[in-house]
Amino acid sequence: METKLIATHLQLLHGDTVLVNGRCWEDAKSFVVNLGQDCENVVLHFNPRFNYRTDVNVIVCNFKKLGKWGKEERLNFFPFEQGGKVKVRTWQKWGGWVSLQVLVPLWWRSAGGL
């Protein structure tokens, strides 16, 4: 099942933040967060892939300018789970840079006890 959320006409300025908060489908193969002016100009393409084509547990990041994709960057850090929560925050910086933060739960139990 494909689900889309599209927000248009956002006027993002330096320091503005976009927070994407949701849950992946149990059988999700991937999900995508695109941030940009339009579908031909995407400043951030964030695509975690659980099991999509030949990719397994890889995050693909990219950009698109005037309809042409840039060079893909692949990250092997993969904190997502099918059926799990997703929290991604982006914010606009000077010079067109976009920062990305993946917010993941961290569970740790001390062996020392109290």
PDB file of N, CA and C in Angstrom:
ATOM      1  N   MET A   1       0.843  -1.170   0.000  1.00  0.00           N
ATOM      2  CA  MET A   1       0.000   0.000   0.000  1.00  0.00           C
ATOM      3  C   MET A   1       0.896   1.244   0.000  1.00  0.00           C
ATOM      4  N   GLU A   2       0.616   2.153  -0.891  1.00  0.00           N
ATOM      5  CA  GLU A   2       1.398   3.383  -0.957  1.00  0.00           C
ATOM      6  C   GLU A   2       0.592   4.514  -0.344  1.00  0.00           C
ATOM      7  N   THR A   3       1.207   5.262   0.530  1.00  0.00           N
ATOM      8  CA  THR A   3       0.579   6.406   1.160  1.00  0.00           C
ATOM      9  C   THR A   3       1.445   7.623   0.900  1.00  0.00           C
ATOM     10  N   LYS A   4       0.822   8.716   0.551  1.00  0.00           N
ATOM     11  CA  LYS A   4       1.580   9.934   0.282  1.00  0.00           C
ATOM     12  C   LYS A   4       1.065  11.086   1.140  1.00  0.00           C
ATOM     13  N   LEU A   5       1.994  11.877   1.611  1.00  0.00           N
ATOM     14  CA  LEU A   5       1.682  13.128   2.276  1.00  0.00           C
ATOM     15  C   LEU A   5       2.439  14.201   1.510  1.00  0.00           C
ATOM     16  N   ILE A   6       1.718  15.162   0.964  1.00  0.00           N
ATOM     17  CA  ILE A   6       2.352  16.213   0.175  1.00  0.00           C
ATOM     18  C   ILE A   6       1.969  17.558   0.768  1.00  0.00           C
ATOM     19  N   ALA A   7       2.972  18.352   1.100  1.00  0.00           N
ATOM     20  CA  ALA A   7       2.755  19.718   1.582  1.00  0.00           C
ATOM     21  C   ALA A   7       3.344  20.667   0.547  1.00  0.00           C
ATOM     22  N   THR A   8       2.561  21.635   0.127  1.00  0.00           N
ATOM     23  CA  THR A   8       3.030  22.570  -0.896  1.00  0.00           C
ATOM     24  C   THR A   8       2.951  24.001  -0.379  1.00  0.00           C
ATOM     25  N   HIS A   9       3.596  24.884  -1.102  1.00  0.00           N
ATOM     26  CA  HIS A   9       3.592  26.320  -0.819  1.00  0.00           C
ATOM     27  C   HIS A   9       4.181  26.651   0.552  1.00  0.00           C
ATOM     28  N   LEU A  10       5.182  25.891   0.968  1.00  0.00           N
ATOM     29  CA  LEU A  10       5.870  26.191   2.219  1.00  0.00           C
ATOM     30  C   LEU A  10       6.941  27.240   1.935  1.00  0.00           C
ATOM     31  N   GLN A  11       7.013  28.243   2.733  1.00  0.00           N
ATOM     32  CA  GLN A  11       8.024  29.286   2.606  1.00  0.00           C
ATOM     33  C   GLN A  11       9.076  29.065   3.691  1.00  0.00           C
ATOM     34  N   LEU A  12      10.005  28.140   3.459  1.00  0.00           N
ATOM     35  CA  LEU A  12      11.016  27.819   4.458  1.00  0.00           C
ATOM     36  C   LEU A  12      12.158  28.814   4.389  1.00  0.00           C
ATOM     37  N   LEU A  13      12.500  29.361   5.523  1.00  0.00           N
ATOM     38  CA  LEU A  13      13.584  30.322   5.630  1.00  0.00           C
ATOM     39  C   LEU A  13      14.689  29.764   6.519  1.00  0.00           C
ATOM     40  N   HIS A  14      15.838  30.438   6.536  1.00  0.00           N
ATOM     41  CA  HIS A  14      16.958  30.039   7.389  1.00  0.00           C
ATOM     42  C   HIS A  14      16.462  29.821   8.816  1.00  0.00           C
ATOM     43  N   GLY A  15      16.779  28.661   9.379  1.00  0.00           N
ATOM     44  CA  GLY A  15      16.403  28.347  10.754  1.00  0.00           C
ATOM     45  C   GLY A  15      15.066  27.638  10.896  1.00  0.00           C
ATOM     46  N   ASP A  16      14.242  27.607   9.852  1.00  0.00           N
ATOM     47  CA  ASP A  16      12.951  26.916   9.922  1.00  0.00           C
ATOM     48  C   ASP A  16      13.166  25.404   9.987  1.00  0.00           C
ATOM     49  N   THR A  17      12.258  24.720  10.666  1.00  0.00           N
ATOM     50  CA  THR A  17      12.361  23.281  10.877  1.00  0.00           C
ATOM     51  C   THR A  17      11.124  22.570  10.339  1.00  0.00           C
ATOM     52  N   VAL A  18      11.339  21.399   9.744  1.00  0.00           N
ATOM     53  CA  VAL A  18      10.248  20.515   9.334  1.00  0.00           C
ATOM     54  C   VAL A  18      10.448  19.209  10.088  1.00  0.00           C
ATOM     55  N   LEU A  19       9.419  18.761  10.793  1.00  0.00           N
ATOM     56  CA  LEU A  19       9.488  17.508  11.549  1.00  0.00           C
ATOM     57  C   LEU A  19       8.503  16.521  10.934  1.00  0.00           C
ATOM     58  N   VAL A  20       9.008  15.364  10.527  1.00  0.00           N
ATOM     59  CA  VAL A  20       8.174  14.288  10.002  1.00  0.00           C
ATOM     60  C   VAL A  20       8.108  13.225  11.085  1.00  0.00           C
ATOM     61  N   ASN A  21       6.908  12.920  11.523  1.00  0.00           N
ATOM     62  CA  ASN A  21       6.701  11.991  12.624  1.00  0.00           C
ATOM     63  C   ASN A  21       5.632  10.997  12.199  1.00  0.00           C
ATOM     64  N   GLY A  22       5.944   9.707  12.200  1.00  0.00           N
ATOM     65  CA  GLY A  22       4.956   8.730  11.774  1.00  0.00           C
ATOM     66  C   GLY A  22       5.371   7.314  12.099  1.00  0.00           C
ATOM     67  N   ARG A  23       4.770   6.376  11.383  1.00  0.00           N
ATOM     68  CA  ARG A  23       5.049   4.960  11.591  1.00  0.00           C
ATOM     69  C   ARG A  23       5.111   4.286  10.223  1.00  0.00           C
ATOM     70  N   CYS A  24       6.089   3.382  10.063  1.00  0.00           N
ATOM     71  CA  CYS A  24       6.223   2.619   8.815  1.00  0.00           C
ATOM     72  C   CYS A  24       5.209   1.488   8.791  1.00  0.00           C
ATOM     73  N   TRP A  25       4.809   1.105   7.591  1.00  0.00           N
ATOM     74  CA  TRP A  25       3.968  -0.077   7.441  1.00  0.00           C
ATOM     75  C   TRP A  25       4.776  -1.317   7.814  1.00  0.00           C
ATOM     76  N   GLU A  26       4.092  -2.349   8.290  1.00  0.00           N
ATOM     77  CA  GLU A  26       4.752  -3.608   8.658  1.00  0.00           C
ATOM     78  C   GLU A  26       5.472  -4.250   7.478  1.00  0.00           C
ATOM     79  N   ASP A  27       4.934  -4.069   6.276  1.00  0.00           N
ATOM     80  CA  ASP A  27       5.527  -4.678   5.082  1.00  0.00           C
ATOM     81  C   ASP A  27       6.191  -3.637   4.175  1.00  0.00           C
ATOM     82  N   ALA A  28       6.571  -2.489   4.737  1.00  0.00           N
ATOM     83  CA  ALA A  28       7.181  -1.420   3.936  1.00  0.00           C
ATOM     84  C   ALA A  28       8.489  -1.885   3.310  1.00  0.00           C
ATOM     85  N   LYS A  29       8.675  -1.557   2.061  1.00  0.00           N
ATOM     86  CA  LYS A  29       9.940  -1.838   1.380  1.00  0.00           C
ATOM     87  C   LYS A  29      10.866  -0.628   1.492  1.00  0.00           C
ATOM     88  N   SER A  30      10.266   0.573   1.585  1.00  0.00           N
ATOM     89  CA  SER A  30      11.026   1.815   1.751  1.00  0.00           C
ATOM     90  C   SER A  30      10.051   2.926   2.090  1.00  0.00           C
ATOM     91  N   PHE A  31      10.584   4.090   2.419  1.00  0.00           N
ATOM     92  CA  PHE A  31       9.770   5.300   2.492  1.00  0.00           C
ATOM     93  C   PHE A  31      10.644   6.468   2.052  1.00  0.00           C
ATOM     94  N   VAL A  32      10.001   7.566   1.675  1.00  0.00           N
ATOM     95  CA  VAL A  32      10.721   8.700   1.103  1.00  0.00           C
ATOM     96  C   VAL A  32      10.250   9.996   1.740  1.00  0.00           C
ATOM     97  N   VAL A  33      11.200  10.864   2.048  1.00  0.00           N
ATOM     98  CA  VAL A  33      10.911  12.242   2.425  1.00  0.00           C
ATOM     99  C   VAL A  33      11.642  13.121   1.421  1.00  0.00           C
ATOM    100  N   ASN A  34      10.886  13.893   0.640  1.00  0.00           N
ATOM    101  CA  ASN A  34      11.460  14.843  -0.308  1.00  0.00           C
ATOM    102  C   ASN A  34      11.156  16.254   0.168  1.00  0.00           C
ATOM    103  N   LEU A  35      12.152  17.101   0.137  1.00  0.00           N
ATOM    104  CA  LEU A  35      11.990  18.493   0.535  1.00  0.00           C
ATOM    105  C   LEU A  35      12.541  19.351  -0.589  1.00  0.00           C
ATOM    106  N   GLY A  36      11.705  20.207  -1.154  1.00  0.00           N
ATOM    107  CA  GLY A  36      12.183  21.025  -2.254  1.00  0.00           C
ATOM    108  C   GLY A  36      11.140  21.991  -2.752  1.00  0.00           C
ATOM    109  N   GLN A  37      11.513  22.693  -3.793  1.00  0.00           N
ATOM    110  CA  GLN A  37      10.665  23.713  -4.396  1.00  0.00           C
ATOM    111  C   GLN A  37       9.506  23.074  -5.170  1.00  0.00           C
ATOM    112  N   ASP A  38       9.813  22.025  -5.925  1.00  0.00           N
ATOM    113  CA  ASP A  38       8.822  21.288  -6.708  1.00  0.00           C
ATOM    114  C   ASP A  38       9.431  19.929  -7.050  1.00  0.00           C
ATOM    115  N   CYS A  39       8.741  19.121  -7.856  1.00  0.00           N
ATOM    116  CA  CYS A  39       9.243  17.772  -8.133  1.00  0.00           C
ATOM    117  C   CYS A  39      10.487  17.775  -9.020  1.00  0.00           C
ATOM    118  N   GLU A  40      10.810  18.888  -9.643  1.00  0.00           N
ATOM    119  CA  GLU A  40      12.018  18.993 -10.470  1.00  0.00           C
ATOM    120  C   GLU A  40      13.207  19.563  -9.701  1.00  0.00           C
ATOM    121  N   ASN A  41      12.956  20.130  -8.532  1.00  0.00           N
ATOM    122  CA  ASN A  41      13.999  20.758  -7.711  1.00  0.00           C
ATOM    123  C   ASN A  41      13.819  20.333  -6.261  1.00  0.00           C
ATOM    124  N   VAL A  42      14.544  19.279  -5.895  1.00  0.00           N
ATOM    125  CA  VAL A  42      14.432  18.665  -4.563  1.00  0.00           C
ATOM    126  C   VAL A  42      15.767  18.858  -3.857  1.00  0.00           C
ATOM    127  N   VAL A  43      15.766  19.648  -2.797  1.00  0.00           N
ATOM    128  CA  VAL A  43      17.018  19.908  -2.087  1.00  0.00           C
ATOM    129  C   VAL A  43      17.421  18.721  -1.210  1.00  0.00           C
ATOM    130  N   LEU A  44      16.437  17.911  -0.781  1.00  0.00           N
ATOM    131  CA  LEU A  44      16.729  16.729   0.023  1.00  0.00           C
ATOM    132  C   LEU A  44      15.815  15.586  -0.402  1.00  0.00           C
ATOM    133  N   HIS A  45      16.404  14.492  -0.819  1.00  0.00           N
ATOM    134  CA  HIS A  45      15.699  13.232  -1.086  1.00  0.00           C
ATOM    135  C   HIS A  45      16.249  12.245  -0.066  1.00  0.00           C
ATOM    136  N   PHE A  46      15.419  11.856   0.900  1.00  0.00           N
ATOM    137  CA  PHE A  46      15.808  10.965   1.992  1.00  0.00           C
ATOM    138  C   PHE A  46      15.005   9.688   1.832  1.00  0.00           C
ATOM    139  N   ASN A  47      15.677   8.559   1.536  1.00  0.00           N
ATOM    140  CA  ASN A  47      14.990   7.333   1.165  1.00  0.00           C
ATOM    141  C   ASN A  47      15.543   6.107   1.899  1.00  0.00           C
ATOM    142  N   PRO A  48      15.072   5.838   3.127  1.00  0.00           N
ATOM    143  CA  PRO A  48      15.441   4.597   3.803  1.00  0.00           C
ATOM    144  C   PRO A  48      14.808   3.399   3.092  1.00  0.00           C
ATOM    145  N   ARG A  49      15.612   2.379   2.826  1.00  0.00           N
ATOM    146  CA  ARG A  49      15.150   1.204   2.086  1.00  0.00           C
ATOM    147  C   ARG A  49      15.341  -0.052   2.938  1.00  0.00           C
ATOM    148  N   PHE A  50      14.213  -0.665   3.325  1.00  0.00           N
ATOM    149  CA  PHE A  50      14.262  -1.907   4.104  1.00  0.00           C
ATOM    150  C   PHE A  50      14.699  -3.065   3.209  1.00  0.00           C
ATOM    151  N   ASN A  51      14.011  -3.200   2.093  1.00  0.00           N
ATOM    152  CA  ASN A  51      14.306  -4.264   1.139  1.00  0.00           C
ATOM    153  C   ASN A  51      13.698  -3.833  -0.197  1.00  0.00           C
ATOM    154  N   TYR A  52      14.396  -2.959  -0.897  1.00  0.00           N
ATOM    155  CA  TYR A  52      13.886  -2.353  -2.121  1.00  0.00           C
ATOM    156  C   TYR A  52      14.879  -2.602  -3.249  1.00  0.00           C
ATOM    157  N   ARG A  53      14.434  -3.301  -4.260  1.00  0.00           N
ATOM    158  CA  ARG A  53      15.283  -3.709  -5.377  1.00  0.00           C
ATOM    159  C   ARG A  53      16.486  -4.483  -4.835  1.00  0.00           C
ATOM    160  N   THR A  54      17.696  -3.970  -5.024  1.00  0.00           N
ATOM    161  CA  THR A  54      18.884  -4.676  -4.515  1.00  0.00           C
ATOM    162  C   THR A  54      19.370  -4.115  -3.182  1.00  0.00           C
ATOM    163  N   ASP A  55      18.683  -3.107  -2.649  1.00  0.00           N
ATOM    164  CA  ASP A  55      19.111  -2.470  -1.401  1.00  0.00           C
ATOM    165  C   ASP A  55      18.415  -3.090  -0.189  1.00  0.00           C
ATOM    166  N   VAL A  56      19.193  -3.396   0.843  1.00  0.00           N
ATOM    167  CA  VAL A  56      18.654  -3.909   2.102  1.00  0.00           C
ATOM    168  C   VAL A  56      19.253  -3.087   3.242  1.00  0.00           C
ATOM    169  N   ASN A  57      18.374  -2.464   4.033  1.00  0.00           N
ATOM    170  CA  ASN A  57      18.768  -1.651   5.188  1.00  0.00           C
ATOM    171  C   ASN A  57      19.825  -0.601   4.834  1.00  0.00           C
ATOM    172  N   VAL A  58      19.486   0.225   3.859  1.00  0.00           N
ATOM    173  CA  VAL A  58      20.356   1.304   3.389  1.00  0.00           C
ATOM    174  C   VAL A  58      19.536   2.584   3.315  1.00  0.00           C
ATOM    175  N   ILE A  59      20.134   3.704   3.679  1.00  0.00           N
ATOM    176  CA  ILE A  59      19.512   5.009   3.487  1.00  0.00           C
ATOM    177  C   ILE A  59      20.165   5.656   2.275  1.00  0.00           C
ATOM    178  N   VAL A  60      19.343   6.065   1.317  1.00  0.00           N
ATOM    179  CA  VAL A  60      19.837   6.750   0.126  1.00  0.00           C
ATOM    180  C   VAL A  60      19.454   8.219   0.235  1.00  0.00           C
ATOM    181  N   CYS A  61      20.436   9.108   0.092  1.00  0.00           N
ATOM    182  CA  CYS A  61      20.207  10.550   0.100  1.00  0.00           C
ATOM    183  C   CYS A  61      20.651  11.124  -1.238  1.00  0.00           C
ATOM    184  N   ASN A  62      19.938  12.150  -1.697  1.00  0.00           N
ATOM    185  CA  ASN A  62      20.256  12.739  -2.979  1.00  0.00           C
ATOM    186  C   ASN A  62      19.592  14.107  -3.073  1.00  0.00           C
ATOM    187  N   PHE A  63      19.785  14.768  -4.206  1.00  0.00           N
ATOM    188  CA  PHE A  63      19.098  16.020  -4.532  1.00  0.00           C
ATOM    189  C   PHE A  63      18.780  16.004  -6.022  1.00  0.00           C
ATOM    190  N   LYS A  64      17.857  16.852  -6.429  1.00  0.00           N
ATOM    191  CA  LYS A  64      17.520  16.981  -7.844  1.00  0.00           C
ATOM    192  C   LYS A  64      17.469  18.466  -8.183  1.00  0.00           C
ATOM    193  N   LYS A  65      18.172  18.844  -9.245  1.00  0.00           N
ATOM    194  CA  LYS A  65      18.190  20.235  -9.681  1.00  0.00           C
ATOM    195  C   LYS A  65      17.824  20.300 -11.158  1.00  0.00           C
ATOM    196  N   LEU A  66      16.789  21.075 -11.469  1.00  0.00           N
ATOM    197  CA  LEU A  66      16.292  21.212 -12.835  1.00  0.00           C
ATOM    198  C   LEU A  66      16.012  19.855 -13.474  1.00  0.00           C
ATOM    199  N   GLY A  67      15.453  18.931 -12.678  1.00  0.00           N
ATOM    200  CA  GLY A  67      15.048  17.629 -13.175  1.00  0.00           C
ATOM    201  C   GLY A  67      16.143  16.581 -13.247  1.00  0.00           C
ATOM    202  N   LYS A  68      17.363  16.933 -12.869  1.00  0.00           N
ATOM    203  CA  LYS A  68      18.477  15.978 -12.934  1.00  0.00           C
ATOM    204  C   LYS A  68      18.944  15.629 -11.524  1.00  0.00           C
ATOM    205  N   TRP A  69      19.011  14.316 -11.259  1.00  0.00           N
ATOM    206  CA  TRP A  69      19.468  13.844  -9.954  1.00  0.00           C
ATOM    207  C   TRP A  69      20.972  14.048  -9.807  1.00  0.00           C
ATOM    208  N   GLY A  70      21.392  14.350  -8.576  1.00  0.00           N
ATOM    209  CA  GLY A  70      22.808  14.416  -8.247  1.00  0.00           C
ATOM    210  C   GLY A  70      23.329  13.010  -7.971  1.00  0.00           C
ATOM    211  N   LYS A  71      24.512  12.937  -7.411  1.00  0.00           N
ATOM    212  CA  LYS A  71      25.110  11.651  -7.075  1.00  0.00           C
ATOM    213  C   LYS A  71      24.512  11.134  -5.758  1.00  0.00           C
ATOM    214  N   GLU A  72      24.061   9.889  -5.775  1.00  0.00           N
ATOM    215  CA  GLU A  72      23.507   9.283  -4.566  1.00  0.00           C
ATOM    216  C   GLU A  72      24.571   9.113  -3.495  1.00  0.00           C
ATOM    217  N   GLU A  73      24.159   9.337  -2.267  1.00  0.00           N
ATOM    218  CA  GLU A  73      24.995   8.991  -1.117  1.00  0.00           C
ATOM    219  C   GLU A  73      24.261   7.882  -0.374  1.00  0.00           C
ATOM    220  N   ARG A  74      24.985   6.841  -0.011  1.00  0.00           N
ATOM    221  CA  ARG A  74      24.397   5.692   0.671  1.00  0.00           C
ATOM    222  C   ARG A  74      24.967   5.593   2.081  1.00  0.00           C
ATOM    223  N   LEU A  75      24.057   5.493   3.037  1.00  0.00           N
ATOM    224  CA  LEU A  75      24.446   5.391   4.444  1.00  0.00           C
ATOM    225  C   LEU A  75      24.071   4.007   4.955  1.00  0.00           C
ATOM    226  N   ASN A  76      24.989   3.347   5.615  1.00  0.00           N
ATOM    227  CA  ASN A  76      24.712   2.028   6.167  1.00  0.00           C
ATOM    228  C   ASN A  76      24.149   2.085   7.583  1.00  0.00           C
ATOM    229  N   PHE A  77      24.127   3.269   8.171  1.00  0.00           N
ATOM    230  CA  PHE A  77      23.464   3.472   9.462  1.00  0.00           C
ATOM    231  C   PHE A  77      21.960   3.343   9.214  1.00  0.00           C
ATOM    232  N   PHE A  78      21.304   2.367   9.817  1.00  0.00           N
ATOM    233  CA  PHE A  78      19.890   2.117   9.525  1.00  0.00           C
ATOM    234  C   PHE A  78      19.113   1.876  10.818  1.00  0.00           C
ATOM    235  N   PRO A  79      18.567   2.939  11.420  1.00  0.00           N
ATOM    236  CA  PRO A  79      17.887   2.808  12.702  1.00  0.00           C
ATOM    237  C   PRO A  79      16.395   2.490  12.592  1.00  0.00           C
ATOM    238  N   PHE A  80      15.880   2.242  11.399  1.00  0.00           N
ATOM    239  CA  PHE A  80      14.441   2.066  11.205  1.00  0.00           C
ATOM    240  C   PHE A  80      14.045   0.597  11.234  1.00  0.00           C
ATOM    241  N   GLU A  81      12.762   0.353  11.608  1.00  0.00           N
ATOM    242  CA  GLU A  81      12.204  -0.995  11.615  1.00  0.00           C
ATOM    243  C   GLU A  81      10.857  -0.967  10.917  1.00  0.00           C
ATOM    244  N   GLN A  82      10.564  -2.013  10.166  1.00  0.00           N
ATOM    245  CA  GLN A  82       9.240  -2.116   9.572  1.00  0.00           C
ATOM    246  C   GLN A  82       8.215  -2.134  10.698  1.00  0.00           C
ATOM    247  N   GLY A  83       7.180  -1.315  10.575  1.00  0.00           N
ATOM    248  CA  GLY A  83       6.158  -1.203  11.611  1.00  0.00           C
ATOM    249  C   GLY A  83       6.559  -0.283  12.747  1.00  0.00           C
ATOM    250  N   GLY A  84       7.780   0.235  12.710  1.00  0.00           N
ATOM    251  CA  GLY A  84       8.279   1.086  13.786  1.00  0.00           C
ATOM    252  C   GLY A  84       8.021   2.571  13.555  1.00  0.00           C
ATOM    253  N   LYS A  85       8.278   3.343  14.587  1.00  0.00           N
ATOM    254  CA  LYS A  85       8.101   4.790  14.512  1.00  0.00           C
ATOM    255  C   LYS A  85       9.227   5.433  13.720  1.00  0.00           C
ATOM    256  N   VAL A  86       8.890   6.538  13.071  1.00  0.00           N
ATOM    257  CA  VAL A  86       9.845   7.313  12.281  1.00  0.00           C
ATOM    258  C   VAL A  86       9.771   8.760  12.739  1.00  0.00           C
ATOM    259  N   LYS A  87      10.931   9.351  12.988  1.00  0.00           N
ATOM    260  CA  LYS A  87      10.984  10.764  13.340  1.00  0.00           C
ATOM    261  C   LYS A  87      12.208  11.354  12.646  1.00  0.00           C
ATOM    262  N   VAL A  88      11.972  12.268  11.722  1.00  0.00           N
ATOM    263  CA  VAL A  88      13.037  12.902  10.953  1.00  0.00           C
ATOM    264  C   VAL A  88      12.826  14.412  11.027  1.00  0.00           C
ATOM    265  N   ARG A  89      13.900  15.136  11.327  1.00  0.00           N
ATOM    266  CA  ARG A  89      13.824  16.597  11.414  1.00  0.00           C
ATOM    267  C   ARG A  89      14.810  17.204  10.424  1.00  0.00           C
ATOM    268  N   THR A  90      14.349  18.202   9.677  1.00  0.00           N
ATOM    269  CA  THR A  90      15.234  18.931   8.777  1.00  0.00           C
ATOM    270  C   THR A  90      15.133  20.412   9.111  1.00  0.00           C
ATOM    271  N   TRP A  91      16.198  21.127   8.827  1.00  0.00           N
ATOM    272  CA  TRP A  91      16.122  22.575   8.971  1.00  0.00           C
ATOM    273  C   TRP A  91      16.979  23.247   7.920  1.00  0.00           C
ATOM    274  N   GLN A  92      16.505  24.423   7.522  1.00  0.00           N
ATOM    275  CA  GLN A  92      17.136  25.191   6.456  1.00  0.00           C
ATOM    276  C   GLN A  92      18.290  26.009   7.012  1.00  0.00           C
ATOM    277  N   LYS A  93      19.414  25.978   6.296  1.00  0.00           N
ATOM    278  CA  LYS A  93      20.588  26.772   6.677  1.00  0.00           C
ATOM    279  C   LYS A  93      20.924  27.735   5.545  1.00  0.00           C
ATOM    280  N   TRP A  94      21.827  28.636   5.826  1.00  0.00           N
ATOM    281  CA  TRP A  94      22.255  29.603   4.819  1.00  0.00           C
ATOM    282  C   TRP A  94      22.904  28.892   3.640  1.00  0.00           C
ATOM    283  N   GLY A  95      22.826  29.483   2.471  1.00  0.00           N
ATOM    284  CA  GLY A  95      23.493  28.961   1.291  1.00  0.00           C
ATOM    285  C   GLY A  95      22.826  27.734   0.692  1.00  0.00           C
ATOM    286  N   GLY A  96      21.562  27.464   1.062  1.00  0.00           N
ATOM    287  CA  GLY A  96      20.841  26.346   0.477  1.00  0.00           C
ATOM    288  C   GLY A  96      21.077  25.010   1.155  1.00  0.00           C
ATOM    289  N   TRP A  97      21.923  24.956   2.176  1.00  0.00           N
ATOM    290  CA  TRP A  97      22.180  23.696   2.876  1.00  0.00           C
ATOM    291  C   TRP A  97      20.967  23.300   3.704  1.00  0.00           C
ATOM    292  N   VAL A  98      20.721  22.016   3.756  1.00  0.00           N
ATOM    293  CA  VAL A  98      19.665  21.477   4.610  1.00  0.00           C
ATOM    294  C   VAL A  98      20.307  20.469   5.543  1.00  0.00           C
ATOM    295  N   SER A  99      20.052  20.615   6.834  1.00  0.00           N
ATOM    296  CA  SER A  99      20.556  19.643   7.813  1.00  0.00           C
ATOM    297  C   SER A  99      19.459  18.625   8.095  1.00  0.00           C
ATOM    298  N   LEU A 100      19.870  17.398   8.368  1.00  0.00           N
ATOM    299  CA  LEU A 100      18.943  16.311   8.614  1.00  0.00           C
ATOM    300  C   LEU A 100      19.319  15.620   9.909  1.00  0.00           C
ATOM    301  N   GLN A 101      18.320  15.344  10.722  1.00  0.00           N
ATOM    302  CA  GLN A 101      18.540  14.615  11.969  1.00  0.00           C
ATOM    303  C   GLN A 101      17.524  13.495  12.059  1.00  0.00           C
ATOM    304  N   VAL A 102      17.991  12.276  12.217  1.00  0.00           N
ATOM    305  CA  VAL A 102      17.116  11.127  12.419  1.00  0.00           C
ATOM    306  C   VAL A 102      17.031  10.902  13.918  1.00  0.00           C
ATOM    307  N   LEU A 103      15.826  10.965  14.445  1.00  0.00           N
ATOM    308  CA  LEU A 103      15.619  10.808  15.882  1.00  0.00           C
ATOM    309  C   LEU A 103      15.191   9.375  16.143  1.00  0.00           C
ATOM    310  N   VAL A 104      16.007   8.644  16.885  1.00  0.00           N
ATOM    311  CA  VAL A 104      15.723   7.232  17.141  1.00  0.00           C
ATOM    312  C   VAL A 104      15.700   6.978  18.641  1.00  0.00           C
ATOM    313  N   PRO A 105      14.854   6.042  19.063  1.00  0.00           N
ATOM    314  CA  PRO A 105      14.882   5.682  20.478  1.00  0.00           C
ATOM    315  C   PRO A 105      16.160   4.905  20.789  1.00  0.00           C
ATOM    316  N   LEU A 106      16.723   5.180  21.917  1.00  0.00           N
ATOM    317  CA  LEU A 106      17.929   4.481  22.343  1.00  0.00           C
ATOM    318  C   LEU A 106      17.625   3.788  23.669  1.00  0.00           C
ATOM    319  N   TRP A 107      17.760   2.472  23.676  1.00  0.00           N
ATOM    320  CA  TRP A 107      17.511   1.686  24.888  1.00  0.00           C
ATOM    321  C   TRP A 107      18.826   1.146  25.394  1.00  0.00           C
ATOM    322  N   TRP A 108      19.093   1.375  26.668  1.00  0.00           N
ATOM    323  CA  TRP A 108      20.326   0.901  27.268  1.00  0.00           C
ATOM    324  C   TRP A 108      20.051   0.557  28.712  1.00  0.00           C
ATOM    325  N   ARG A 109      20.514  -0.601  29.147  1.00  0.00           N
ATOM    326  CA  ARG A 109      20.331  -1.021  30.526  1.00  0.00           C
ATOM    327  C   ARG A 109      21.690  -1.152  31.168  1.00  0.00           C
ATOM    328  N   SER A 110      21.859  -0.492  32.261  1.00  0.00           N
ATOM    329  CA  SER A 110      23.136  -0.537  32.970  1.00  0.00           C
ATOM    330  C   SER A 110      23.330  -1.914  33.610  1.00  0.00           C
ATOM    331  N   ALA A 111      24.517  -2.470  33.418  1.00  0.00           N
ATOM    332  CA  ALA A 111      24.848  -3.747  34.042  1.00  0.00           C
ATOM    333  C   ALA A 111      25.169  -3.560  35.514  1.00  0.00           C
ATOM    334  N   GLY A 112      25.405  -2.309  35.919  1.00  0.00           N
ATOM    335  CA  GLY A 112      25.790  -2.017  37.297  1.00  0.00           C
ATOM    336  C   GLY A 112      24.632  -2.079  38.276  1.00  0.00           C
ATOM    337  N   GLY A 113      23.416  -1.824  37.818  1.00  0.00           N
ATOM    338  CA  GLY A 113      22.255  -1.844  38.687  1.00  0.00           C
ATOM    339  C   GLY A 113      22.317  -0.747  39.749  1.00  0.00           C
ATOM    340  N   LEU A 114      21.271  -0.650  40.546  1.00  0.00           N
ATOM    341  CA  LEU A 114      21.224   0.334  41.642  1.00  0.00           C
ATOM    342  C   LEU A 114      20.897  -0.351  42.944  1.00  0.00           C
TER     343      LEU A 114
END
